[in-house]
Amino acid sequence: MKGIITVLGKDRVGIIAKVCGYLSGEGINILDISQTIVQNYFTMIMIVDITDSSSDFTRYVEDLAALGQEIGLIIKLQREDIFNSMHRI
């Protein structure tokens, strides 16, 4: 199963390292990643594969949201099919 992770907030050192460190620890593979900084605001979108991961999807959603709060960002994880449905024009 694929998921979409979005990250948004004020830029600071270590954002990618924190998020990628969590994903690696959970056995979640990053398939694609794009990030940019616009006037000191950091945005990142990741496509991840959670097929071989060790835990429940809901726990990942909660853990990533908590990680975001800990480092002052908004981090969301959605199932790829839900993300695509929400963003159809």
PDB file of N, CA and C in Angstrom:
ATOM      1  N   MET A   1       0.837  -1.169   0.000  1.00  0.00           N
ATOM      2  CA  MET A   1       0.000   0.000   0.000  1.00  0.00           C
ATOM      3  C   MET A   1       0.891   1.244   0.000  1.00  0.00           C
ATOM      4  N   LYS A   2       0.500   2.242  -0.760  1.00  0.00           N
ATOM      5  CA  LYS A   2       1.247   3.494  -0.804  1.00  0.00           C
ATOM      6  C   LYS A   2       0.537   4.556   0.028  1.00  0.00           C
ATOM      7  N   GLY A   3       1.345   5.469   0.559  1.00  0.00           N
ATOM      8  CA  GLY A   3       0.828   6.594   1.309  1.00  0.00           C
ATOM      9  C   GLY A   3       1.473   7.872   0.830  1.00  0.00           C
ATOM     10  N   ILE A   4       0.794   8.989   1.118  1.00  0.00           N
ATOM     11  CA  ILE A   4       1.308  10.309   0.786  1.00  0.00           C
ATOM     12  C   ILE A   4       1.536  11.051   2.103  1.00  0.00           C
ATOM     13  N   ILE A   5       2.748  11.523   2.297  1.00  0.00           N
ATOM     14  CA  ILE A   5       3.080  12.317   3.482  1.00  0.00           C
ATOM     15  C   ILE A   5       3.298  13.744   3.036  1.00  0.00           C
ATOM     16  N   THR A   6       2.644  14.680   3.723  1.00  0.00           N
ATOM     17  CA  THR A   6       2.874  16.099   3.470  1.00  0.00           C
ATOM     18  C   THR A   6       3.431  16.728   4.747  1.00  0.00           C
ATOM     19  N   VAL A   7       4.374  17.634   4.551  1.00  0.00           N
ATOM     20  CA  VAL A   7       5.019  18.319   5.666  1.00  0.00           C
ATOM     21  C   VAL A   7       5.016  19.811   5.357  1.00  0.00           C
ATOM     22  N   LEU A   8       4.610  20.619   6.323  1.00  0.00           N
ATOM     23  CA  LEU A   8       4.529  22.064   6.110  1.00  0.00           C
ATOM     24  C   LEU A   8       4.885  22.796   7.395  1.00  0.00           C
ATOM     25  N   GLY A   9       5.684  23.849   7.259  1.00  0.00           N
ATOM     26  CA  GLY A   9       6.002  24.673   8.419  1.00  0.00           C
ATOM     27  C   GLY A   9       7.199  25.565   8.158  1.00  0.00           C
ATOM     28  N   LYS A  10       7.589  26.273   9.197  1.00  0.00           N
ATOM     29  CA  LYS A  10       8.764  27.142   9.111  1.00  0.00           C
ATOM     30  C   LYS A  10      10.005  26.274   8.922  1.00  0.00           C
ATOM     31  N   ASP A  11      10.878  26.703   8.041  1.00  0.00           N
ATOM     32  CA  ASP A  11      12.099  25.947   7.774  1.00  0.00           C
ATOM     33  C   ASP A  11      13.013  25.963   8.989  1.00  0.00           C
ATOM     34  N   ARG A  12      13.647  24.827   9.220  1.00  0.00           N
ATOM     35  CA  ARG A  12      14.654  24.713  10.260  1.00  0.00           C
ATOM     36  C   ARG A  12      15.563  23.530   9.934  1.00  0.00           C
ATOM     37  N   VAL A  13      16.678  23.465  10.553  1.00  0.00           N
ATOM     38  CA  VAL A  13      17.637  22.392  10.317  1.00  0.00           C
ATOM     39  C   VAL A  13      17.074  21.061  10.825  1.00  0.00           C
ATOM     40  N   GLY A  14      17.224  20.006  10.031  1.00  0.00           N
ATOM     41  CA  GLY A  14      16.926  18.662  10.485  1.00  0.00           C
ATOM     42  C   GLY A  14      15.545  18.118  10.182  1.00  0.00           C
ATOM     43  N   ILE A  15      14.720  18.852   9.453  1.00  0.00           N
ATOM     44  CA  ILE A  15      13.359  18.385   9.174  1.00  0.00           C
ATOM     45  C   ILE A  15      13.386  17.062   8.413  1.00  0.00           C
ATOM     46  N   ILE A  16      14.098  17.034   7.312  1.00  0.00           N
ATOM     47  CA  ILE A  16      14.127  15.820   6.496  1.00  0.00           C
ATOM     48  C   ILE A  16      14.742  14.673   7.291  1.00  0.00           C
ATOM     49  N   ALA A  17      15.777  14.948   8.049  1.00  0.00           N
ATOM     50  CA  ALA A  17      16.423  13.912   8.848  1.00  0.00           C
ATOM     51  C   ALA A  17      15.456  13.307   9.864  1.00  0.00           C
ATOM     52  N   LYS A  18      14.677  14.136  10.544  1.00  0.00           N
ATOM     53  CA  LYS A  18      13.714  13.637  11.542  1.00  0.00           C
ATOM     54  C   LYS A  18      12.656  12.757  10.890  1.00  0.00           C
ATOM     55  N   VAL A  19      12.062  13.244   9.808  1.00  0.00           N
ATOM     56  CA  VAL A  19      10.991  12.494   9.150  1.00  0.00           C
ATOM     57  C   VAL A  19      11.541  11.199   8.567  1.00  0.00           C
ATOM     58  N   CYS A  20      12.656  11.273   7.861  1.00  0.00           N
ATOM     59  CA  CYS A  20      13.238  10.079   7.246  1.00  0.00           C
ATOM     60  C   CYS A  20      13.731   9.093   8.300  1.00  0.00           C
ATOM     61  N   GLY A  21      14.229   9.594   9.414  1.00  0.00           N
ATOM     62  CA  GLY A  21      14.665   8.723  10.506  1.00  0.00           C
ATOM     63  C   GLY A  21      13.496   7.919  11.063  1.00  0.00           C
ATOM     64  N   TYR A  22      12.358   8.580  11.243  1.00  0.00           N
ATOM     65  CA  TYR A  22      11.166   7.873  11.719  1.00  0.00           C
ATOM     66  C   TYR A  22      10.755   6.798  10.715  1.00  0.00           C
ATOM     67  N   LEU A  23      10.678   7.171   9.440  1.00  0.00           N
ATOM     68  CA  LEU A  23      10.240   6.226   8.407  1.00  0.00           C
ATOM     69  C   LEU A  23      11.169   5.018   8.337  1.00  0.00           C
ATOM     70  N   SER A  24      12.451   5.264   8.375  1.00  0.00           N
ATOM     71  CA  SER A  24      13.435   4.192   8.320  1.00  0.00           C
ATOM     72  C   SER A  24      13.264   3.243   9.510  1.00  0.00           C
ATOM     73  N   GLY A  25      13.074   3.801  10.679  1.00  0.00           N
ATOM     74  CA  GLY A  25      12.897   2.997  11.877  1.00  0.00           C
ATOM     75  C   GLY A  25      11.659   2.112  11.831  1.00  0.00           C
ATOM     76  N   GLU A  26      10.675   2.515  11.045  1.00  0.00           N
ATOM     77  CA  GLU A  26       9.430   1.755  10.926  1.00  0.00           C
ATOM     78  C   GLU A  26       9.399   0.852   9.697  1.00  0.00           C
ATOM     79  N   GLY A  27      10.482   0.840   8.933  1.00  0.00           N
ATOM     80  CA  GLY A  27      10.536  -0.004   7.742  1.00  0.00           C
ATOM     81  C   GLY A  27       9.687   0.509   6.595  1.00  0.00           C
ATOM     82  N   ILE A  28       9.478   1.818   6.557  1.00  0.00           N
ATOM     83  CA  ILE A  28       8.683   2.450   5.508  1.00  0.00           C
ATOM     84  C   ILE A  28       9.631   2.977   4.435  1.00  0.00           C
ATOM     85  N   ASN A  29       9.424   2.535   3.189  1.00  0.00           N
ATOM     86  CA  ASN A  29      10.299   2.903   2.088  1.00  0.00           C
ATOM     87  C   ASN A  29       9.808   4.183   1.407  1.00  0.00           C
ATOM     88  N   ILE A  30      10.708   5.102   1.148  1.00  0.00           N
ATOM     89  CA  ILE A  30      10.392   6.331   0.419  1.00  0.00           C
ATOM     90  C   ILE A  30      10.542   6.040  -1.066  1.00  0.00           C
ATOM     91  N   LEU A  31       9.463   6.204  -1.821  1.00  0.00           N
ATOM     92  CA  LEU A  31       9.483   5.968  -3.263  1.00  0.00           C
ATOM     93  C   LEU A  31       9.805   7.235  -4.043  1.00  0.00           C
ATOM     94  N   ASP A  32       9.343   8.367  -3.545  1.00  0.00           N
ATOM     95  CA  ASP A  32       9.581   9.649  -4.225  1.00  0.00           C
ATOM     96  C   ASP A  32       9.485  10.745  -3.184  1.00  0.00           C
ATOM     97  N   ILE A  33      10.256  11.797  -3.382  1.00  0.00           N
ATOM     98  CA  ILE A  33      10.268  12.905  -2.429  1.00  0.00           C
ATOM     99  C   ILE A  33      10.518  14.207  -3.177  1.00  0.00           C
ATOM    100  N   SER A  34       9.801  15.236  -2.784  1.00  0.00           N
ATOM    101  CA  SER A  34      10.011  16.567  -3.337  1.00  0.00           C
ATOM    102  C   SER A  34       9.879  17.561  -2.193  1.00  0.00           C
ATOM    103  N   GLN A  35      10.801  18.494  -2.132  1.00  0.00           N
ATOM    104  CA  GLN A  35      10.717  19.510  -1.088  1.00  0.00           C
ATOM    105  C   GLN A  35      11.155  20.848  -1.646  1.00  0.00           C
ATOM    106  N   THR A  36      10.633  21.881  -1.056  1.00  0.00           N
ATOM    107  CA  THR A  36      11.019  23.225  -1.458  1.00  0.00           C
ATOM    108  C   THR A  36      10.892  24.162  -0.266  1.00  0.00           C
ATOM    109  N   ILE A  37      11.585  25.267  -0.354  1.00  0.00           N
ATOM    110  CA  ILE A  37      11.489  26.306   0.660  1.00  0.00           C
ATOM    111  C   ILE A  37      11.086  27.585  -0.053  1.00  0.00           C
ATOM    112  N   VAL A  38      10.008  28.187   0.408  1.00  0.00           N
ATOM    113  CA  VAL A  38       9.510  29.437  -0.160  1.00  0.00           C
ATOM    114  C   VAL A  38       9.436  30.458   0.959  1.00  0.00           C
ATOM    115  N   GLN A  39      10.269  31.474   0.886  1.00  0.00           N
ATOM    116  CA  GLN A  39      10.324  32.534   1.885  1.00  0.00           C
ATOM    117  C   GLN A  39      10.297  31.995   3.309  1.00  0.00           C
ATOM    118  N   ASN A  40      11.204  31.072   3.598  1.00  0.00           N
ATOM    119  CA  ASN A  40      11.415  30.477   4.912  1.00  0.00           C
ATOM    120  C   ASN A  40      10.325  29.491   5.339  1.00  0.00           C
ATOM    121  N   TYR A  41       9.443  29.106   4.410  1.00  0.00           N
ATOM    122  CA  TYR A  41       8.451  28.070   4.699  1.00  0.00           C
ATOM    123  C   TYR A  41       8.843  26.798   3.964  1.00  0.00           C
ATOM    124  N   PHE A  42       8.910  25.719   4.712  1.00  0.00           N
ATOM    125  CA  PHE A  42       9.314  24.418   4.200  1.00  0.00           C
ATOM    126  C   PHE A  42       8.078  23.622   3.798  1.00  0.00           C
ATOM    127  N   THR A  43       8.112  23.038   2.606  1.00  0.00           N
ATOM    128  CA  THR A  43       7.054  22.121   2.175  1.00  0.00           C
ATOM    129  C   THR A  43       7.705  20.874   1.597  1.00  0.00           C
ATOM    130  N   MET A  44       7.101  19.731   1.911  1.00  0.00           N
ATOM    131  CA  MET A  44       7.624  18.481   1.381  1.00  0.00           C
ATOM    132  C   MET A  44       6.452  17.535   1.151  1.00  0.00           C
ATOM    133  N   ILE A  45       6.558  16.781   0.077  1.00  0.00           N
ATOM    134  CA  ILE A  45       5.601  15.714  -0.197  1.00  0.00           C
ATOM    135  C   ILE A  45       6.401  14.460  -0.499  1.00  0.00           C
ATOM    136  N   MET A  46       5.953  13.363   0.082  1.00  0.00           N
ATOM    137  CA  MET A  46       6.643  12.090  -0.090  1.00  0.00           C
ATOM    138  C   MET A  46       5.621  11.035  -0.485  1.00  0.00           C
ATOM    139  N   ILE A  47       6.016  10.162  -1.379  1.00  0.00           N
ATOM    140  CA  ILE A  47       5.232   8.970  -1.661  1.00  0.00           C
ATOM    141  C   ILE A  47       5.992   7.829  -0.998  1.00  0.00           C
ATOM    142  N   VAL A  48       5.306   7.090  -0.141  1.00  0.00           N
ATOM    143  CA  VAL A  48       5.957   6.035   0.620  1.00  0.00           C
ATOM    144  C   VAL A  48       5.240   4.705   0.415  1.00  0.00           C
ATOM    145  N   ASP A  49       5.997   3.637   0.584  1.00  0.00           N
ATOM    146  CA  ASP A  49       5.448   2.285   0.500  1.00  0.00           C
ATOM    147  C   ASP A  49       5.397   1.714   1.903  1.00  0.00           C
ATOM    148  N   ILE A  50       4.193   1.455   2.391  1.00  0.00           N
ATOM    149  CA  ILE A  50       4.047   0.920   3.744  1.00  0.00           C
ATOM    150  C   ILE A  50       3.660  -0.562   3.729  1.00  0.00           C
ATOM    151  N   THR A  51       3.785  -1.192   2.574  1.00  0.00           N
ATOM    152  CA  THR A  51       3.409  -2.599   2.429  1.00  0.00           C
ATOM    153  C   THR A  51       4.155  -3.500   3.404  1.00  0.00           C
ATOM    154  N   ASP A  52       5.453  -3.322   3.540  1.00  0.00           N
ATOM    155  CA  ASP A  52       6.262  -4.193   4.390  1.00  0.00           C
ATOM    156  C   ASP A  52       6.513  -3.612   5.773  1.00  0.00           C
ATOM    157  N   SER A  53       5.799  -2.563   6.135  1.00  0.00           N
ATOM    158  CA  SER A  53       6.016  -1.936   7.434  1.00  0.00           C
ATOM    159  C   SER A  53       5.433  -2.807   8.542  1.00  0.00           C
ATOM    160  N   SER A  54       5.823  -2.516   9.757  1.00  0.00           N
ATOM    161  CA  SER A  54       5.542  -3.411  10.871  1.00  0.00           C
ATOM    162  C   SER A  54       4.298  -3.063  11.679  1.00  0.00           C
ATOM    163  N   SER A  55       3.626  -1.988  11.385  1.00  0.00           N
ATOM    164  CA  SER A  55       2.540  -1.570  12.270  1.00  0.00           C
ATOM    165  C   SER A  55       1.298  -1.129  11.510  1.00  0.00           C
ATOM    166  N   ASP A  56       0.340  -0.675  12.263  1.00  0.00           N
ATOM    167  CA  ASP A  56      -0.961  -0.237  11.790  1.00  0.00           C
ATOM    168  C   ASP A  56      -0.889   1.161  11.170  1.00  0.00           C
ATOM    169  N   PHE A  57      -1.605   1.380  10.076  1.00  0.00           N
ATOM    170  CA  PHE A  57      -1.606   2.663   9.375  1.00  0.00           C
ATOM    171  C   PHE A  57      -1.991   3.806  10.311  1.00  0.00           C
ATOM    172  N   THR A  58      -3.004   3.582  11.130  1.00  0.00           N
ATOM    173  CA  THR A  58      -3.479   4.630  12.047  1.00  0.00           C
ATOM    174  C   THR A  58      -2.380   5.061  13.004  1.00  0.00           C
ATOM    175  N   ARG A  59      -1.579   4.123  13.459  1.00  0.00           N
ATOM    176  CA  ARG A  59      -0.483   4.487  14.363  1.00  0.00           C
ATOM    177  C   ARG A  59       0.524   5.379  13.657  1.00  0.00           C
ATOM    178  N   TYR A  60       0.803   5.086  12.381  1.00  0.00           N
ATOM    179  CA  TYR A  60       1.724   5.940  11.631  1.00  0.00           C
ATOM    180  C   TYR A  60       1.173   7.357  11.495  1.00  0.00           C
ATOM    181  N   VAL A  61      -0.116   7.468  11.217  1.00  0.00           N
ATOM    182  CA  VAL A  61      -0.756   8.789  11.112  1.00  0.00           C
ATOM    183  C   VAL A  61      -0.560   9.556  12.417  1.00  0.00           C
ATOM    184  N   GLU A  62      -0.844   8.902  13.530  1.00  0.00           N
ATOM    185  CA  GLU A  62      -0.721   9.540  14.843  1.00  0.00           C
ATOM    186  C   GLU A  62       0.726   9.876  15.183  1.00  0.00           C
ATOM    187  N   ASP A  63       1.632   8.944  14.930  1.00  0.00           N
ATOM    188  CA  ASP A  63       3.055   9.176  15.223  1.00  0.00           C
ATOM    189  C   ASP A  63       3.610  10.349  14.427  1.00  0.00           C
ATOM    190  N   LEU A  64       3.274  10.408  13.136  1.00  0.00           N
ATOM    191  CA  LEU A  64       3.785  11.501  12.301  1.00  0.00           C
ATOM    192  C   LEU A  64       3.191  12.844  12.719  1.00  0.00           C
ATOM    193  N   ALA A  65       1.923  12.863  13.085  1.00  0.00           N
ATOM    194  CA  ALA A  65       1.312  14.111  13.582  1.00  0.00           C
ATOM    195  C   ALA A  65       2.009  14.553  14.865  1.00  0.00           C
ATOM    196  N   ALA A  66       2.302  13.606  15.761  1.00  0.00           N
ATOM    197  CA  ALA A  66       2.997  13.926  17.009  1.00  0.00           C
ATOM    198  C   ALA A  66       4.419  14.410  16.744  1.00  0.00           C
ATOM    199  N   LEU A  67       5.110  13.778  15.806  1.00  0.00           N
ATOM    200  CA  LEU A  67       6.447  14.229  15.426  1.00  0.00           C
ATOM    201  C   LEU A  67       6.382  15.656  14.904  1.00  0.00           C
ATOM    202  N   GLY A  68       5.380  15.938  14.097  1.00  0.00           N
ATOM    203  CA  GLY A  68       5.207  17.295  13.587  1.00  0.00           C
ATOM    204  C   GLY A  68       5.026  18.298  14.704  1.00  0.00           C
ATOM    205  N   GLN A  69       4.196  17.983  15.675  1.00  0.00           N
ATOM    206  CA  GLN A  69       3.992  18.902  16.804  1.00  0.00           C
ATOM    207  C   GLN A  69       5.290  19.105  17.573  1.00  0.00           C
ATOM    208  N   GLU A  70       6.036  18.029  17.741  1.00  0.00           N
ATOM    209  CA  GLU A  70       7.297  18.081  18.476  1.00  0.00           C
ATOM    210  C   GLU A  70       8.299  19.024  17.819  1.00  0.00           C
ATOM    211  N   ILE A  71       8.304  19.076  16.491  1.00  0.00           N
ATOM    212  CA  ILE A  71       9.289  19.914  15.792  1.00  0.00           C
ATOM    213  C   ILE A  71       8.663  21.143  15.139  1.00  0.00           C
ATOM    214  N   GLY A  72       7.402  21.434  15.464  1.00  0.00           N
ATOM    215  CA  GLY A  72       6.765  22.667  15.016  1.00  0.00           C
ATOM    216  C   GLY A  72       6.293  22.652  13.576  1.00  0.00           C
ATOM    217  N   LEU A  73       5.850  21.491  13.089  1.00  0.00           N
ATOM    218  CA  LEU A  73       5.392  21.360  11.710  1.00  0.00           C
ATOM    219  C   LEU A  73       4.037  20.664  11.669  1.00  0.00           C
ATOM    220  N   ILE A  74       3.408  20.705  10.524  1.00  0.00           N
ATOM    221  CA  ILE A  74       2.216  19.912  10.280  1.00  0.00           C
ATOM    222  C   ILE A  74       2.636  18.757   9.381  1.00  0.00           C
ATOM    223  N   ILE A  75       2.478  17.532   9.881  1.00  0.00           N
ATOM    224  CA  ILE A  75       2.816  16.341   9.102  1.00  0.00           C
ATOM    225  C   ILE A  75       1.567  15.474   9.015  1.00  0.00           C
ATOM    226  N   LYS A  76       1.187  15.161   7.786  1.00  0.00           N
ATOM    227  CA  LYS A  76       0.012  14.326   7.555  1.00  0.00           C
ATOM    228  C   LYS A  76       0.368  13.154   6.667  1.00  0.00           C
ATOM    229  N   LEU A  77      -0.238  12.021   6.972  1.00  0.00           N
ATOM    230  CA  LEU A  77      -0.109  10.820   6.155  1.00  0.00           C
ATOM    231  C   LEU A  77      -1.503  10.402   5.722  1.00  0.00           C
ATOM    232  N   GLN A  78      -1.654  10.170   4.427  1.00  0.00           N
ATOM    233  CA  GLN A  78      -2.927   9.701   3.881  1.00  0.00           C
ATOM    234  C   GLN A  78      -2.663   8.522   2.957  1.00  0.00           C
ATOM    235  N   ARG A  79      -3.637   7.647   2.850  1.00  0.00           N
ATOM    236  CA  ARG A  79      -3.552   6.574   1.868  1.00  0.00           C
ATOM    237  C   ARG A  79      -3.562   7.206   0.476  1.00  0.00           C
ATOM    238  N   GLU A  80      -2.805   6.645  -0.435  1.00  0.00           N
ATOM    239  CA  GLU A  80      -2.688   7.210  -1.779  1.00  0.00           C
ATOM    240  C   GLU A  80      -4.044   7.331  -2.463  1.00  0.00           C
ATOM    241  N   ASP A  81      -4.895   6.318  -2.345  1.00  0.00           N
ATOM    242  CA  ASP A  81      -6.189   6.373  -3.021  1.00  0.00           C
ATOM    243  C   ASP A  81      -7.078   7.475  -2.456  1.00  0.00           C
ATOM    244  N   ILE A  82      -7.030   7.699  -1.150  1.00  0.00           N
ATOM    245  CA  ILE A  82      -7.814   8.775  -0.530  1.00  0.00           C
ATOM    246  C   ILE A  82      -7.263  10.126  -0.973  1.00  0.00           C
ATOM    247  N   PHE A  83      -5.950  10.266  -0.956  1.00  0.00           N
ATOM    248  CA  PHE A  83      -5.313  11.518  -1.384  1.00  0.00           C
ATOM    249  C   PHE A  83      -5.719  11.855  -2.816  1.00  0.00           C
ATOM    250  N   ASN A  84      -5.644  10.867  -3.701  1.00  0.00           N
ATOM    251  CA  ASN A  84      -5.999  11.107  -5.096  1.00  0.00           C
ATOM    252  C   ASN A  84      -7.470  11.478  -5.245  1.00  0.00           C
ATOM    253  N   SER A  85      -8.344  10.838  -4.502  1.00  0.00           N
ATOM    254  CA  SER A  85      -9.776  11.155  -4.566  1.00  0.00           C
ATOM    255  C   SER A  85     -10.055  12.579  -4.102  1.00  0.00           C
ATOM    256  N   MET A  86      -9.344  13.003  -3.059  1.00  0.00           N
ATOM    257  CA  MET A  86      -9.560  14.346  -2.501  1.00  0.00           C
ATOM    258  C   MET A  86      -9.044  15.437  -3.434  1.00  0.00           C
ATOM    259  N   HIS A  87      -8.093  15.116  -4.296  1.00  0.00           N
ATOM    260  CA  HIS A  87      -7.456  16.148  -5.107  1.00  0.00           C
ATOM    261  C   HIS A  87      -7.835  16.063  -6.581  1.00  0.00           C
ATOM    262  N   ARG A  88      -8.911  15.384  -6.893  1.00  0.00           N
ATOM    263  CA  ARG A  88      -9.416  15.370  -8.266  1.00  0.00           C
ATOM    264  C   ARG A  88     -10.149  16.669  -8.529  1.00  0.00           C
ATOM    265  N   ILE A  89     -10.000  17.151  -9.726  1.00  0.00           N
ATOM    266  CA  ILE A  89     -10.695  18.388 -10.101  1.00  0.00           C
ATOM    267  C   ILE A  89     -11.977  18.035 -10.810  1.00  0.00           C
TER     268      ILE A  89
END
